Amino acid sequence: MPMRVRGAWLVVPLIAVLGSAATVAWPRPEIRTLSARVHTELTARGGCYVPLSRMPSALLEAIVAAEDERFYAHHGVDLVALGRAAVADVRAGRVVEGGSTLTEQLADVVLVHGDRTPLRRLMTMVLAWQIERVYAKAQILELYLNAVYFGHRAYGIGRAARVYFGSPPDRLDLGQSALLAGLPQAPSAYDPLRHPRVARRRAAEVLAAMVRLGDIVAPTAASASAELRRGLAPYSSAPAGCTGS
């Protein structure tokens, strides 16, 4: 392995050491208020909080496949993904791959609010470690899906399901779940209203990842993708508020 690539791997343990020190040394938001913060911010933005019991399993599998394939294997920060991203970035000479987890994204959206400086990036990682010591994986998924932005002023999965499909989340099918799961990474670029073909391609990528992870089989993915092509439009101009299931 070239020297510069080996050097990239050294960043991973360094981050872990610095993160452990920062846990003690830095003032930080109270992790136990995270759930209340999500509820408060979602309500202020016109969203509707949806409990995990009202989300289809396909949606949960799709968001993990799209954003954090090792979600159930790490403890907030995925050192394997960080190392892989560091090597890819060094080889490309630029940032080409991220390594943030769902938990880090949740911390970033709710507690750090998108500040991308290196110091705040490290703080986000520290917060993610702390979140995973307080909340179970299921709780983190629920909070994430209620906090994340899906485009078109749709904060949270409750609003997103209604804006794009005129449906409550528990009625989303596999293709719809894959399409919505693909949006948080880049809501504008994958916007189904303005870029339906791009949105369908992104949904197909999510379905392929679900096949790779063993969540579904290839024929099921192909069927969902075809159904999405037939039923992508029209979209609903859903009213604000929390109505229906």
Protein backbone atom coordinates (compact mmCIF):
# COMPACT_ATOMS: atom_id res chain seq x y z
CA MET A 1 0.00 0.00 0.00
CA PRO A 2 1.46 3.45 -0.90
CA MET A 3 2.75 5.56 1.99
CA ARG A 4 0.08 8.23 1.59
CA VAL A 5 -2.69 5.60 1.72
CA ARG A 6 -1.18 4.02 4.84
CA GLY A 7 -1.09 7.50 6.34
CA ALA A 8 -4.81 7.89 5.71
CA TRP A 9 -5.51 4.84 7.87
CA LEU A 10 -3.62 6.46 10.75
CA VAL A 11 -6.30 9.14 10.87
CA VAL A 12 -8.83 6.62 12.19
CA PRO A 13 -7.19 5.77 15.55
CA LEU A 14 -6.19 9.42 15.95
CA ILE A 15 -9.83 10.46 15.63
CA ALA A 16 -10.82 7.84 18.18
CA VAL A 17 -8.27 9.12 20.70
CA LEU A 18 -9.20 12.76 20.17
CA GLY A 19 -12.87 11.92 20.39
CA SER A 20 -12.42 10.16 23.74
CA ALA A 21 -10.56 13.17 25.10
CA ALA A 22 -13.18 15.56 23.75
CA THR A 23 -15.91 13.64 25.55
CA VAL A 24 -14.46 14.85 28.83
CA ALA A 25 -12.92 18.17 27.82
CA TRP A 26 -15.65 19.85 25.74
CA PRO A 27 -18.95 21.31 26.89
CA ARG A 28 -21.75 19.66 24.92
CA PRO A 29 -25.54 19.67 24.56
CA GLU A 30 -27.35 17.35 26.95
CA ILE A 31 -27.81 14.14 24.99
CA ARG A 32 -30.88 13.15 26.95
CA THR A 33 -32.79 16.12 25.53
CA LEU A 34 -32.29 14.88 21.97
CA SER A 35 -35.76 13.36 21.66
CA ALA A 36 -37.43 16.52 22.98
CA ARG A 37 -35.37 18.64 20.57
CA VAL A 38 -36.50 16.55 17.60
CA HIS A 39 -40.15 16.87 18.64
CA THR A 40 -39.85 20.63 19.18
CA GLU A 41 -38.03 21.39 15.92
CA LEU A 42 -40.30 19.14 13.87
CA THR A 43 -43.42 20.82 15.26
CA ALA A 44 -41.96 24.27 14.57
CA ARG A 45 -41.38 23.28 10.95
CA GLY A 46 -44.88 21.95 10.40
CA GLY A 47 -43.91 18.29 10.56
CA CYS A 48 -45.69 15.36 12.10
CA TYR A 49 -43.85 13.02 14.48
CA VAL A 50 -44.21 9.38 13.44
CA PRO A 51 -43.35 6.56 15.88
CA LEU A 52 -41.34 3.62 14.61
CA SER A 53 -44.38 1.37 14.93
CA ARG A 54 -46.04 3.40 12.15
CA MET A 55 -43.15 2.98 9.73
CA PRO A 56 -42.96 -0.04 7.38
CA SER A 57 -39.98 -2.35 7.79
CA ALA A 58 -39.09 -1.69 4.14
CA LEU A 59 -38.56 1.98 4.93
CA LEU A 60 -36.24 1.19 7.85
CA GLU A 61 -34.24 -1.25 5.75
CA ALA A 62 -34.09 1.23 2.88
CA ILE A 63 -32.73 4.11 4.99
CA VAL A 64 -30.05 1.87 6.48
CA ALA A 65 -29.09 0.58 3.03
CA ALA A 66 -28.98 4.12 1.63
CA GLU A 67 -27.16 5.92 4.42
CA ASP A 68 -25.37 3.54 6.77
CA GLU A 69 -25.04 -0.12 5.81
CA ARG A 70 -23.13 -0.94 9.02
CA PHE A 71 -25.62 0.86 11.27
CA TYR A 72 -26.20 -2.16 13.49
CA ALA A 73 -22.49 -3.00 13.73
CA HIS A 74 -20.96 0.29 14.92
CA HIS A 75 -21.32 2.38 18.07
CA GLY A 76 -22.05 5.76 16.55
CA VAL A 77 -18.86 6.23 14.55
CA ASP A 78 -17.94 3.68 11.88
CA LEU A 79 -14.15 3.45 11.90
CA VAL A 80 -14.25 0.98 9.00
CA ALA A 81 -16.20 3.43 6.83
CA LEU A 82 -13.95 6.30 7.90
CA GLY A 83 -10.85 4.38 6.92
CA ARG A 84 -12.35 3.36 3.59
CA ALA A 85 -13.40 6.96 2.89
CA ALA A 86 -9.95 8.28 3.83
CA VAL A 87 -8.25 5.90 1.42
CA ALA A 88 -10.70 6.74 -1.39
CA ASP A 89 -10.22 10.48 -0.82
CA VAL A 90 -6.42 10.21 -0.80
CA ARG A 91 -6.39 8.16 -3.98
CA ALA A 92 -8.70 10.62 -5.72
CA GLY A 93 -6.94 13.70 -4.37
CA ARG A 94 -10.28 15.13 -3.25
CA VAL A 95 -13.29 14.25 -1.12
CA VAL A 96 -15.19 11.55 -2.99
CA GLU A 97 -16.65 9.43 -0.21
CA GLY A 98 -18.16 10.21 3.18
CA GLY A 99 -17.97 8.07 6.28
CA SER A 100 -20.66 9.55 8.50
CA THR A 101 -23.18 7.27 10.19
CA LEU A 102 -26.90 7.75 10.70
CA THR A 103 -26.15 8.62 14.32
CA GLU A 104 -23.63 11.26 13.29
CA GLN A 105 -26.12 12.70 10.82
CA LEU A 106 -28.73 12.87 13.58
CA ALA A 107 -26.28 14.69 15.85
CA ASP A 108 -25.35 17.03 13.01
CA VAL A 109 -28.94 17.92 12.12
CA VAL A 110 -30.26 18.37 15.65
CA LEU A 111 -27.28 19.40 17.79
CA VAL A 112 -24.53 20.74 15.53
CA HIS A 113 -26.72 22.20 12.79
CA GLY A 114 -24.52 21.53 9.80
CA ASP A 115 -21.33 23.37 10.79
CA ARG A 116 -18.66 21.68 8.65
CA THR A 117 -15.43 22.91 10.26
CA PRO A 118 -13.01 20.12 11.30
CA LEU A 119 -13.48 20.91 14.99
CA ARG A 120 -17.25 20.66 14.76
CA ARG A 121 -16.93 17.50 12.67
CA LEU A 122 -15.06 15.95 15.57
CA MET A 123 -17.71 17.19 17.98
CA THR A 124 -20.37 15.50 15.85
CA MET A 125 -18.51 12.20 16.15
CA VAL A 126 -18.23 12.60 19.92
CA LEU A 127 -21.94 13.35 20.18
CA ALA A 128 -22.73 10.27 18.08
CA TRP A 129 -20.77 8.08 20.50
CA GLN A 130 -22.71 9.60 23.38
CA ILE A 131 -26.07 9.20 21.65
CA GLU A 132 -25.45 5.49 21.19
CA ARG A 133 -24.75 5.11 24.90
CA VAL A 134 -28.16 6.58 25.75
CA TYR A 135 -30.46 5.49 22.92
CA ALA A 136 -31.15 2.09 21.37
CA LYS A 137 -30.70 1.62 17.63
CA ALA A 138 -34.48 1.59 17.10
CA GLN A 139 -34.82 4.92 18.91
CA ILE A 140 -32.03 6.43 16.82
CA LEU A 141 -33.73 5.33 13.61
CA GLU A 142 -37.02 6.81 14.77
CA LEU A 143 -35.42 10.14 15.71
CA TYR A 144 -33.42 10.28 12.49
CA LEU A 145 -36.42 9.71 10.24
CA ASN A 146 -38.36 12.40 12.08
CA ALA A 147 -35.50 14.92 12.02
CA VAL A 148 -34.08 14.66 8.52
CA TYR A 149 -35.01 16.91 5.59
CA PHE A 150 -36.53 15.36 2.45
CA GLY A 151 -36.90 18.49 0.30
CA HIS A 152 -39.91 20.70 -0.52
CA ARG A 153 -40.19 21.86 3.10
CA ALA A 154 -40.81 18.27 4.14
CA TYR A 155 -39.10 17.75 7.48
CA GLY A 156 -39.54 14.25 8.80
CA ILE A 157 -40.91 11.13 7.16
CA GLY A 158 -44.51 11.95 8.10
CA ARG A 159 -44.55 15.10 6.00
CA ALA A 160 -42.39 13.61 3.24
CA ALA A 161 -44.71 10.64 2.67
CA ARG A 162 -47.66 13.00 2.27
CA VAL A 163 -45.88 15.58 0.11
CA TYR A 164 -44.53 13.05 -2.40
CA PHE A 165 -47.12 10.28 -2.30
CA GLY A 166 -50.20 11.65 -0.53
CA SER A 167 -49.89 8.79 1.91
CA PRO A 168 -49.16 8.24 5.59
CA PRO A 169 -45.81 6.49 6.16
CA ASP A 170 -47.34 3.15 7.15
CA ARG A 171 -48.84 2.81 3.65
CA LEU A 172 -45.59 3.33 1.75
CA ASP A 173 -44.65 0.43 -0.48
CA LEU A 174 -41.12 -0.81 -1.16
CA GLY A 175 -40.42 1.42 -4.17
CA GLN A 176 -41.76 4.51 -2.44
CA SER A 177 -39.70 3.71 0.65
CA ALA A 178 -36.56 3.37 -1.47
CA LEU A 179 -37.21 6.68 -3.21
CA LEU A 180 -37.70 8.54 0.08
CA ALA A 181 -34.67 6.85 1.63
CA GLY A 182 -32.55 8.17 -1.22
CA LEU A 183 -33.50 11.81 -0.69
CA PRO A 184 -31.69 12.89 2.53
CA GLN A 185 -28.26 12.54 0.91
CA ALA A 186 -29.09 15.31 -1.61
CA PRO A 187 -32.75 16.43 -1.60
CA SER A 188 -32.28 18.93 -4.43
CA ALA A 189 -30.27 16.66 -6.71
CA TYR A 190 -32.66 13.72 -6.25
CA ASP A 191 -35.83 15.84 -6.18
CA PRO A 192 -38.61 13.64 -7.65
CA LEU A 193 -40.65 16.67 -8.64
CA ARG A 194 -37.92 18.30 -10.71
CA HIS A 195 -35.72 15.32 -11.57
CA PRO A 196 -37.94 12.21 -11.69
CA ARG A 197 -35.49 10.13 -13.73
CA VAL A 198 -32.64 10.92 -11.35
CA ALA A 199 -34.90 10.13 -8.40
CA ARG A 200 -35.82 6.76 -9.92
CA ARG A 201 -32.14 5.95 -10.51
CA ARG A 202 -31.36 6.82 -6.92
CA ALA A 203 -34.23 4.61 -5.74
CA ALA A 204 -32.85 1.77 -7.88
CA GLU A 205 -29.46 2.22 -6.17
CA VAL A 206 -31.12 1.94 -2.77
CA LEU A 207 -32.99 -1.20 -3.87
CA ALA A 208 -29.71 -2.70 -5.14
CA ALA A 209 -28.11 -2.00 -1.78
CA MET A 210 -31.02 -3.73 -0.05
CA VAL A 211 -30.44 -6.77 -2.26
CA ARG A 212 -26.73 -6.71 -1.40
CA LEU A 213 -27.55 -6.62 2.31
CA GLY A 214 -30.01 -9.49 1.99
CA ASP A 215 -33.12 -7.47 2.86
CA ILE A 216 -34.84 -8.34 -0.41
CA VAL A 217 -34.15 -10.48 -3.46
CA ALA A 218 -33.32 -9.16 -6.92
CA PRO A 219 -36.73 -9.94 -8.53
CA THR A 220 -38.48 -8.05 -5.72
CA ALA A 221 -36.21 -5.05 -6.30
CA ALA A 222 -36.87 -5.13 -10.04
CA SER A 223 -40.62 -5.30 -9.47
CA ALA A 224 -40.51 -2.37 -7.02
CA SER A 225 -38.45 -0.30 -9.43
CA ALA A 226 -40.89 -1.00 -12.29
CA GLU A 227 -43.87 -0.14 -10.11
CA LEU A 228 -42.20 3.12 -9.11
CA ARG A 229 -41.77 4.03 -12.78
CA ARG A 230 -45.48 3.56 -13.35
CA GLY A 231 -46.59 5.39 -10.20
CA LEU A 232 -44.09 8.15 -9.59
CA ALA A 233 -46.56 10.96 -10.40
CA PRO A 234 -48.76 12.74 -9.61
CA TYR A 235 -47.67 14.01 -6.22
CA SER A 236 -49.84 15.31 -3.46
CA SER A 237 -49.97 18.91 -2.31
CA ALA A 238 -50.51 17.58 1.19
CA PRO A 239 -51.97 19.91 3.81
CA ALA A 240 -49.90 20.79 6.84
CA GLY A 241 -50.53 19.09 10.16
CA CYS A 242 -50.75 15.57 11.48
CA THR A 243 -53.79 13.81 10.12
CA GLY A 244 -54.54 10.22 9.37
CA SER A 245 -52.42 7.24 10.34
